[in-house]
Protein backbone atom coordinates (compact mmCIF):
# COMPACT_ATOMS: atom_id res chain seq x y z
CA MET A 1 75.17 -72.74 -69.02
CA ASP A 2 78.95 -75.18 -69.40
CA LEU A 3 81.51 -73.45 -71.38
CA ILE A 4 82.32 -75.43 -74.17
CA TYR A 5 85.75 -74.64 -75.30
CA LEU A 6 86.75 -74.88 -79.24
CA ASP A 7 89.56 -72.97 -79.64
CA SER A 8 92.23 -74.70 -78.50
CA ASN A 9 94.54 -73.63 -81.56
CA ALA A 10 94.99 -70.05 -79.18
CA THR A 11 95.51 -71.65 -76.10
CA THR A 12 95.21 -74.58 -74.16
CA PRO A 13 94.40 -74.90 -70.11
CA VAL A 14 97.51 -76.38 -68.35
CA LEU A 15 97.39 -79.57 -67.10
CA PRO A 16 97.27 -80.52 -63.46
CA GLU A 17 100.65 -82.32 -63.96
CA VAL A 18 102.39 -79.20 -65.34
CA TRP A 19 101.26 -76.89 -62.55
CA GLU A 20 102.83 -80.01 -59.96
CA ALA A 21 105.94 -79.76 -61.64
CA MET A 22 106.36 -76.37 -61.87
CA ALA A 23 105.28 -75.53 -58.08
CA PRO A 24 108.68 -76.33 -56.65
CA PHE A 25 110.68 -73.54 -58.70
CA ALA A 26 107.82 -70.89 -58.39
CA VAL A 27 108.10 -71.23 -54.63
CA GLU A 28 111.18 -73.17 -53.33
CA THR A 29 113.86 -73.40 -55.91
CA PHE A 30 113.57 -69.52 -56.47
CA GLY A 31 117.18 -68.68 -57.38
CA ASN A 32 118.57 -67.05 -60.46
CA PRO A 33 120.15 -69.47 -62.14
CA ALA A 34 122.99 -67.04 -63.26
CA SER A 35 123.98 -67.36 -59.67
CA ALA A 36 127.12 -69.06 -58.46
CA HIS A 37 125.63 -70.07 -54.83
CA GLN A 38 123.34 -73.30 -54.02
CA ALA A 39 120.16 -71.94 -54.56
CA GLY A 40 121.41 -70.31 -58.21
CA ARG A 41 122.83 -73.74 -59.20
CA ARG A 42 119.12 -75.97 -57.94
CA ALA A 43 117.79 -73.30 -60.46
CA ARG A 44 120.12 -73.58 -63.21
CA GLN A 45 120.00 -77.87 -62.95
CA ALA A 46 116.30 -77.65 -63.10
CA LEU A 47 116.94 -75.09 -66.50
CA GLU A 48 118.94 -77.35 -67.98
CA ASP A 49 117.37 -80.66 -67.17
CA ALA A 50 114.15 -78.96 -68.83
CA ARG A 51 116.54 -77.72 -71.78
CA GLU A 52 118.09 -81.09 -72.65
CA SER A 53 114.10 -82.71 -72.14
CA VAL A 54 113.08 -80.43 -75.23
CA ALA A 55 115.87 -81.08 -77.13
CA ARG A 56 115.61 -84.80 -76.77
CA LEU A 57 111.71 -84.67 -77.75
CA LEU A 58 112.42 -82.66 -80.26
CA GLY A 59 115.42 -83.83 -82.39
CA ALA A 60 117.77 -81.41 -81.21
CA TRP A 61 121.02 -80.43 -78.98
CA PRO A 62 120.35 -78.86 -75.86
CA ASP A 63 122.96 -76.12 -77.04
CA GLU A 64 120.23 -75.74 -80.05
CA VAL A 65 117.31 -74.65 -77.76
CA VAL A 66 116.63 -70.85 -76.52
CA PHE A 67 114.11 -70.35 -74.26
CA THR A 68 111.82 -67.39 -75.18
CA SER A 69 108.68 -65.61 -73.80
CA GLY A 70 106.59 -67.41 -76.30
CA ALA A 71 106.52 -68.12 -80.11
CA THR A 72 105.67 -64.29 -81.06
CA GLU A 73 109.02 -63.15 -79.80
CA ALA A 74 110.64 -66.52 -81.14
CA ASN A 75 109.36 -66.08 -84.76
CA ASN A 76 110.66 -61.99 -84.52
CA LEU A 77 114.26 -63.35 -83.09
CA ALA A 78 114.52 -65.90 -85.91
CA LEU A 79 113.24 -63.56 -88.67
CA ALA A 80 115.51 -60.64 -87.63
CA GLY A 81 118.36 -62.85 -86.58
CA LEU A 82 118.70 -64.68 -89.96
CA ALA A 83 117.96 -61.81 -92.04
CA GLY A 84 121.17 -59.85 -90.96
CA ASP A 85 121.27 -56.29 -92.79
CA PRO A 86 120.02 -55.54 -96.60
CA PRO A 87 119.41 -55.76 -99.21
CA GLY A 88 118.72 -58.96 -99.47
CA HIS A 89 115.91 -61.50 -100.61
CA VAL A 90 113.24 -63.29 -98.31
CA LEU A 91 110.33 -65.48 -99.32
CA ALA A 92 107.84 -66.66 -96.97
CA SER A 93 104.44 -68.61 -97.37
CA PRO A 94 101.02 -66.21 -97.59
CA VAL A 95 99.23 -68.43 -94.90
CA GLU A 96 101.76 -67.40 -92.12
CA HIS A 97 100.51 -66.59 -88.65
CA PRO A 98 100.90 -62.83 -88.03
CA SER A 99 103.89 -63.54 -85.71
CA VAL A 100 105.78 -64.35 -88.87
CA ALA A 101 104.10 -62.13 -91.65
CA GLU A 102 104.35 -58.91 -89.88
CA PRO A 103 107.85 -59.44 -88.96
CA VAL A 104 108.52 -60.05 -92.65
CA GLN A 105 106.97 -57.06 -93.35
CA GLN A 106 108.99 -55.05 -91.27
CA LEU A 107 111.89 -56.55 -93.31
CA ALA A 108 110.58 -55.20 -96.60
CA LEU A 109 110.42 -51.62 -94.90
CA ALA A 110 113.77 -52.24 -94.03
CA GLY A 111 114.91 -52.66 -97.31
CA PHE A 112 114.75 -56.32 -98.00
CA ALA A 113 113.09 -57.75 -101.59
CA VAL A 114 110.27 -59.77 -100.24
CA ASP A 115 108.25 -62.41 -101.97
CA TRP A 116 105.59 -64.06 -101.10
CA LEU A 117 105.53 -67.75 -102.14
CA SER A 118 102.11 -69.09 -104.15
CA VAL A 119 99.95 -71.65 -102.36
CA ASP A 120 97.42 -74.10 -103.91
CA SER A 121 93.86 -74.49 -102.80
CA ALA A 122 94.68 -76.35 -100.26
CA GLY A 123 97.15 -74.10 -98.78
CA VAL A 124 100.05 -75.79 -99.10
CA VAL A 125 103.49 -74.06 -101.08
CA SER A 126 103.32 -75.06 -104.51
CA GLU A 127 105.85 -72.79 -106.07
CA LYS A 128 109.45 -73.52 -106.59
CA PHE A 129 111.54 -71.00 -105.56
CA SER A 130 114.75 -69.77 -106.21
CA PRO A 131 117.70 -70.91 -104.29
CA GLU A 132 119.47 -67.54 -104.02
CA ALA A 133 116.93 -66.42 -101.25
CA ARG A 134 119.05 -65.40 -98.00
CA LEU A 135 116.14 -66.63 -95.85
CA VAL A 136 112.76 -68.43 -96.17
CA ALA A 137 109.92 -68.96 -94.12
CA VAL A 138 107.29 -71.63 -94.05
CA GLN A 139 105.24 -72.66 -90.90
CA LEU A 140 104.67 -76.61 -90.70
CA ALA A 141 101.09 -76.61 -89.76
CA ASN A 142 98.49 -74.02 -90.42
CA HIS A 143 96.93 -72.02 -87.70
CA GLU A 144 93.69 -71.54 -89.20
CA THR A 145 93.31 -74.97 -90.99
CA GLY A 146 95.88 -77.75 -89.94
CA VAL A 147 97.32 -78.15 -93.47
CA VAL A 148 100.68 -79.34 -92.78
CA GLN A 149 103.58 -78.04 -95.37
CA PRO A 150 106.26 -80.18 -96.77
CA VAL A 151 108.79 -78.65 -94.82
CA ALA A 152 111.60 -80.95 -95.12
CA GLU A 153 111.42 -80.95 -99.09
CA LEU A 154 111.18 -77.07 -99.04
CA ALA A 155 114.11 -76.83 -96.91
CA ASP A 156 116.19 -79.28 -98.96
CA ALA A 157 115.17 -77.48 -102.53
CA ALA A 158 116.24 -74.07 -100.44
CA GLY A 159 119.82 -75.40 -100.21
CA ALA A 160 122.23 -75.04 -97.52
CA GLN A 161 123.24 -71.48 -97.99
CA THR A 162 119.51 -70.22 -97.39
CA ALA A 163 118.57 -70.03 -93.90
CA PHE A 164 115.35 -71.54 -93.38
CA HIS A 165 112.72 -70.88 -90.76
CA CYS A 166 109.87 -72.86 -89.31
CA ASP A 167 107.01 -71.88 -87.29
CA ALA A 168 106.12 -75.15 -85.98
CA VAL A 169 103.59 -73.78 -83.08
CA GLN A 170 100.27 -75.79 -84.28
CA ALA A 171 102.62 -79.07 -84.64
CA VAL A 172 104.45 -79.61 -81.55
CA GLY A 173 103.10 -81.76 -78.95
CA LYS A 174 100.55 -82.77 -81.51
CA VAL A 175 102.56 -84.76 -84.08
CA PRO A 176 106.36 -85.83 -83.84
CA VAL A 177 108.63 -82.84 -84.85
CA ASP A 178 112.50 -83.58 -85.78
CA PHE A 179 114.22 -80.61 -85.71
CA HIS A 180 117.10 -82.04 -87.32
CA ALA A 181 115.66 -84.12 -89.66
CA LEU A 182 113.66 -81.14 -91.37
CA GLY A 183 116.79 -79.54 -92.04
CA VAL A 184 115.82 -76.06 -90.84
CA ALA A 185 118.22 -73.62 -89.47
CA THR A 186 115.31 -72.16 -86.73
CA LEU A 187 112.14 -73.67 -85.63
CA SER A 188 109.81 -71.68 -82.87
CA ALA A 189 107.03 -73.66 -80.49
CA SER A 190 105.15 -72.23 -77.65
CA GLY A 191 104.26 -73.86 -74.43
CA HIS A 192 100.64 -72.74 -74.27
CA LYS A 193 99.33 -74.51 -77.33
CA PHE A 194 100.09 -77.91 -75.92
CA HIS A 195 98.97 -77.60 -72.05
CA GLY A 196 102.02 -75.54 -71.03
CA PRO A 197 101.92 -72.42 -69.15
CA LYS A 198 101.82 -69.08 -71.09
CA GLY A 199 105.13 -66.93 -71.23
CA ILE A 200 107.25 -69.62 -72.50
CA GLY A 201 108.52 -70.81 -76.21
CA ILE A 202 111.74 -71.88 -77.75
CA LEU A 203 113.45 -71.20 -80.62
CA LEU A 204 115.81 -74.18 -81.77
CA VAL A 205 118.57 -72.98 -83.90
CA ARG A 206 120.72 -75.13 -85.34
CA ARG A 207 124.52 -75.61 -84.51
CA GLY A 208 126.77 -73.14 -86.70
CA THR A 209 123.99 -70.66 -87.66
CA PRO A 210 124.60 -67.12 -87.43
CA LEU A 211 121.76 -65.50 -85.35
CA LYS A 212 121.90 -61.66 -84.23
CA PRO A 213 120.21 -60.91 -80.97
CA LEU A 214 117.00 -58.87 -80.74
CA LEU A 215 118.21 -57.99 -76.98
CA HIS A 216 121.40 -57.00 -75.46
CA GLY A 217 122.51 -57.33 -72.22
CA GLY A 218 123.08 -60.38 -70.78
CA HIS A 219 125.33 -63.46 -71.41
CA GLN A 220 122.49 -65.81 -70.75
CA GLN A 221 121.42 -68.24 -73.58
CA GLN A 222 124.77 -68.08 -75.56
CA GLY A 223 123.95 -63.98 -75.58
CA ARG A 224 120.97 -65.15 -78.26
CA ARG A 225 118.30 -64.40 -75.66
CA PRO A 226 120.22 -62.52 -72.61
CA GLY A 227 117.91 -61.96 -69.77
CA THR A 228 117.39 -64.06 -66.76
CA GLU A 229 115.58 -67.40 -67.47
CA PRO A 230 111.89 -68.21 -66.26
CA VAL A 231 112.67 -71.61 -64.66
CA ALA A 232 109.46 -72.61 -63.43
CA LEU A 233 108.10 -71.86 -66.96
CA ALA A 234 110.55 -73.63 -68.61
CA VAL A 235 110.36 -76.78 -66.08
CA GLY A 236 106.43 -76.26 -67.03
CA LEU A 237 107.06 -76.20 -70.87
CA SER A 238 109.13 -79.21 -70.80
CA ARG A 239 107.11 -81.14 -68.50
CA ALA A 240 103.71 -80.46 -70.95
CA LEU A 241 106.08 -81.47 -74.00
CA HIS A 242 106.83 -84.93 -72.39
CA LEU A 243 103.16 -85.65 -71.63
CA ALA A 244 101.96 -84.88 -74.95
CA HIS A 245 105.21 -87.19 -76.59
CA ASP A 246 103.85 -89.97 -74.08
CA ASP A 247 100.44 -89.83 -74.98
CA MET A 248 100.59 -88.42 -78.52
CA ASP A 249 98.88 -91.14 -80.33
CA ARG A 250 95.82 -91.77 -78.29
CA ARG A 251 95.55 -87.90 -77.99
CA ARG A 252 95.66 -87.85 -81.69
CA VAL A 253 93.11 -90.87 -82.54
CA HIS A 254 90.83 -89.30 -79.87
CA VAL A 255 91.02 -85.70 -81.57
CA GLY A 256 90.29 -86.83 -85.13
CA ARG A 257 87.24 -88.93 -83.91
CA LEU A 258 85.72 -85.52 -82.29
CA ARG A 259 86.52 -83.90 -85.32
CA ARG A 260 84.60 -86.11 -87.53
CA ARG A 261 81.77 -86.55 -84.93
CA LEU A 262 81.93 -82.63 -85.07
CA LEU A 263 81.69 -82.32 -88.83
CA ASP A 264 79.36 -85.22 -89.49
CA GLY A 265 76.94 -83.67 -87.15
CA LEU A 266 76.87 -80.09 -88.61
CA LYS A 267 76.50 -81.48 -92.15
CA ARG A 268 73.42 -83.30 -90.76
CA SER A 269 71.86 -80.21 -89.32
CA SER A 270 73.59 -76.85 -90.74
CA ASP A 271 74.13 -77.97 -94.34
CA PRO A 272 75.10 -75.99 -96.36
CA VAL A 273 78.65 -76.44 -94.66
CA THR A 274 82.04 -76.11 -96.37
CA VAL A 275 85.52 -77.53 -95.02
CA ASN A 276 88.41 -75.16 -95.89
CA PRO A 277 90.43 -76.81 -97.46
CA SER A 278 88.15 -80.14 -98.33
CA THR A 279 90.90 -81.75 -99.10
CA GLU A 280 92.24 -84.79 -96.80
CA GLY A 281 95.22 -84.09 -94.88
CA PRO A 282 94.75 -81.59 -92.03
CA LEU A 283 95.91 -82.00 -88.58
CA PRO A 284 92.71 -83.09 -86.71
CA HIS A 285 92.74 -80.35 -83.99
CA THR A 286 91.52 -78.09 -86.68
CA LEU A 287 88.05 -77.43 -88.30
CA ASN A 288 87.75 -74.78 -90.46
CA LEU A 289 84.19 -74.41 -91.67
CA SER A 290 81.93 -71.93 -94.04
CA PHE A 291 78.50 -71.76 -93.17
CA PRO A 292 76.88 -69.67 -96.39
CA GLY A 293 74.36 -67.25 -95.28
CA CYS A 294 75.92 -66.60 -91.64
CA ARG A 295 78.31 -63.50 -91.59
CA ALA A 296 81.19 -64.98 -89.12
CA ASP A 297 81.40 -62.29 -87.08
CA VAL A 298 77.92 -62.23 -86.10
CA LEU A 299 77.89 -66.11 -85.62
CA LEU A 300 81.10 -66.22 -83.54
CA MET A 301 78.74 -63.61 -81.34
CA ASN A 302 76.10 -65.71 -81.20
CA LEU A 303 78.15 -68.87 -80.28
CA ASP A 304 80.09 -66.81 -77.41
CA LEU A 305 76.51 -66.01 -76.14
CA ALA A 306 75.40 -69.79 -76.37
CA GLY A 307 78.37 -71.13 -74.52
CA VAL A 308 80.81 -72.38 -77.32
CA ALA A 309 84.15 -70.79 -77.39
CA CYS A 310 85.64 -70.62 -80.99
CA SER A 311 87.18 -68.16 -83.28
CA THR A 312 86.95 -66.56 -86.91
CA GLY A 313 90.71 -67.00 -87.31
CA SER A 314 94.00 -66.65 -85.46
CA ALA A 315 93.81 -64.74 -81.92
CA CYS A 316 96.42 -62.68 -82.74
CA SER A 317 94.50 -61.21 -85.49
CA SER A 318 91.15 -61.73 -84.27
CA GLY A 319 90.35 -58.27 -83.69
CA SER A 320 90.61 -57.40 -87.41
CA LEU A 321 87.40 -57.37 -89.48
CA LEU A 322 89.01 -57.84 -92.71
CA PRO A 323 88.64 -61.37 -94.24
CA SER A 324 91.75 -64.11 -93.43
CA PRO A 325 94.38 -63.92 -95.32
CA VAL A 326 95.06 -67.85 -95.34
CA LEU A 327 92.04 -68.27 -96.66
CA GLN A 328 92.35 -65.68 -99.01
CA ALA A 329 95.72 -66.96 -100.17
CA MET A 330 93.71 -70.49 -100.73
CA GLY A 331 91.18 -68.72 -103.05
CA VAL A 332 88.34 -69.48 -100.94
CA ARG A 333 85.62 -67.73 -102.54
CA ASP A 334 83.74 -64.47 -100.85
CA ASP A 335 80.74 -66.11 -99.60
CA LEU A 336 82.66 -68.78 -97.44
CA LEU A 337 85.33 -66.78 -96.76
CA SER A 338 82.85 -64.11 -94.96
CA SER A 339 81.32 -67.08 -93.26
CA ALA A 340 84.42 -69.13 -92.33
CA MET A 341 84.70 -70.21 -88.52
CA ARG A 342 87.57 -72.02 -86.92
CA PHE A 343 86.73 -74.71 -84.12
CA SER A 344 90.16 -76.20 -82.56
CA LEU A 345 89.93 -79.23 -80.42
CA SER A 346 91.80 -80.51 -77.46
CA PHE A 347 92.14 -84.13 -76.33
CA LEU A 348 90.31 -83.09 -73.19
CA LEU A 349 86.95 -82.83 -74.80
CA THR A 350 84.57 -85.36 -74.73
CA GLU A 351 81.87 -86.68 -77.46
CA SER A 352 78.98 -85.35 -75.55
CA GLU A 353 80.56 -82.12 -75.37
CA VAL A 354 80.97 -81.94 -79.17
CA ASP A 355 77.33 -83.28 -79.76
CA GLU A 356 76.19 -80.58 -77.53
CA ALA A 357 78.52 -78.14 -79.36
CA ALA A 358 76.99 -79.23 -82.85
CA HIS A 359 73.41 -78.66 -81.16
CA ARG A 360 74.43 -75.16 -80.04
CA ILE A 361 76.47 -74.17 -83.70
CA ALA A 362 73.40 -75.69 -85.52
CA THR A 363 70.51 -73.49 -83.44
CA ALA A 364 72.53 -70.72 -83.85
CA VAL A 365 73.40 -71.18 -87.58
CA GLY A 366 69.77 -71.72 -88.16
CA ARG A 367 68.78 -68.82 -86.16
CA ILE A 368 70.86 -65.97 -88.07
CA ARG A 369 70.03 -67.75 -91.49
CA ASN A 370 66.44 -67.06 -90.93
CA THR A 371 66.71 -63.49 -89.69
CA PRO A 372 67.39 -61.20 -92.55
CA LEU A 373 70.84 -59.05 -92.10
CA GLU A 374 70.64 -55.51 -92.60
């Protein structure tokens, strides 16, 4: 049985063109980009070319691009680096990814006053907040629902004196992202979310923004993230982002068509099915559905056996048996909360694969609903 992969918010396969771009810098041009000799200079040139390309595609300056090991490191660096020393006031949305929510909780333990912003039933920040906060963290697109936040408006309301961090991991490579237009202090992204390699992410840091480093022991990247930069991974991230931007409109239309096809098929075959949230507007790459009468962990196991890869929430919290904090913050009722599944789609999927996935999901749902749970 062929695997049908519906978990692209967790990770995506590396495109052949990306592997091809990386190969010379993994084998031939292996010099340390901090070295002054010829091999080092070649590596440095490739690294800076990648930095310039990323900056151009994301509306930033090259000196604002910091390469990290991924978005988790980028989020931790931004939040700890922007917060400074306690006391201070920190605001964050309750629908953030664990790599933002947990560092915010660490700031609370360190002595910061932390408040969680209110969201509406769609998970969109609905609270007008105090401009006296030192740090605000609000994501651009949600990892479980695909809902987009009005980050530019929120950053403007926060004011220039407030450091605003935006986790844009689920948006970069899927929709246009303009760092300067958003008006935030920092923005994070991760290569493996848009068909680049794992182990490489970026943090954009607005010029003039004080950022205390997490690591010490080198001069690289203006001392913000010292250590030898992974040239091949940076080249791969840059290439993947370039491909995503060149093909963005076609990919988004195709994925939107697949999302509608999957949802229509499941509504016909597996009703009752509830979309979380029910409002229009989420990115088409994510479809969060509840199947009343099915426990999510049981359905996940059945779908895995049926060759459908999906999740019950964020990959970083998939080991948790607790209900999704994202859906809880949205006020989703208990029977929908306990039966919620996330299907996240890639442009690599075909209509026939989506049709087969709908069939396999419907079969599993029907089996579980007809089997009393002890």
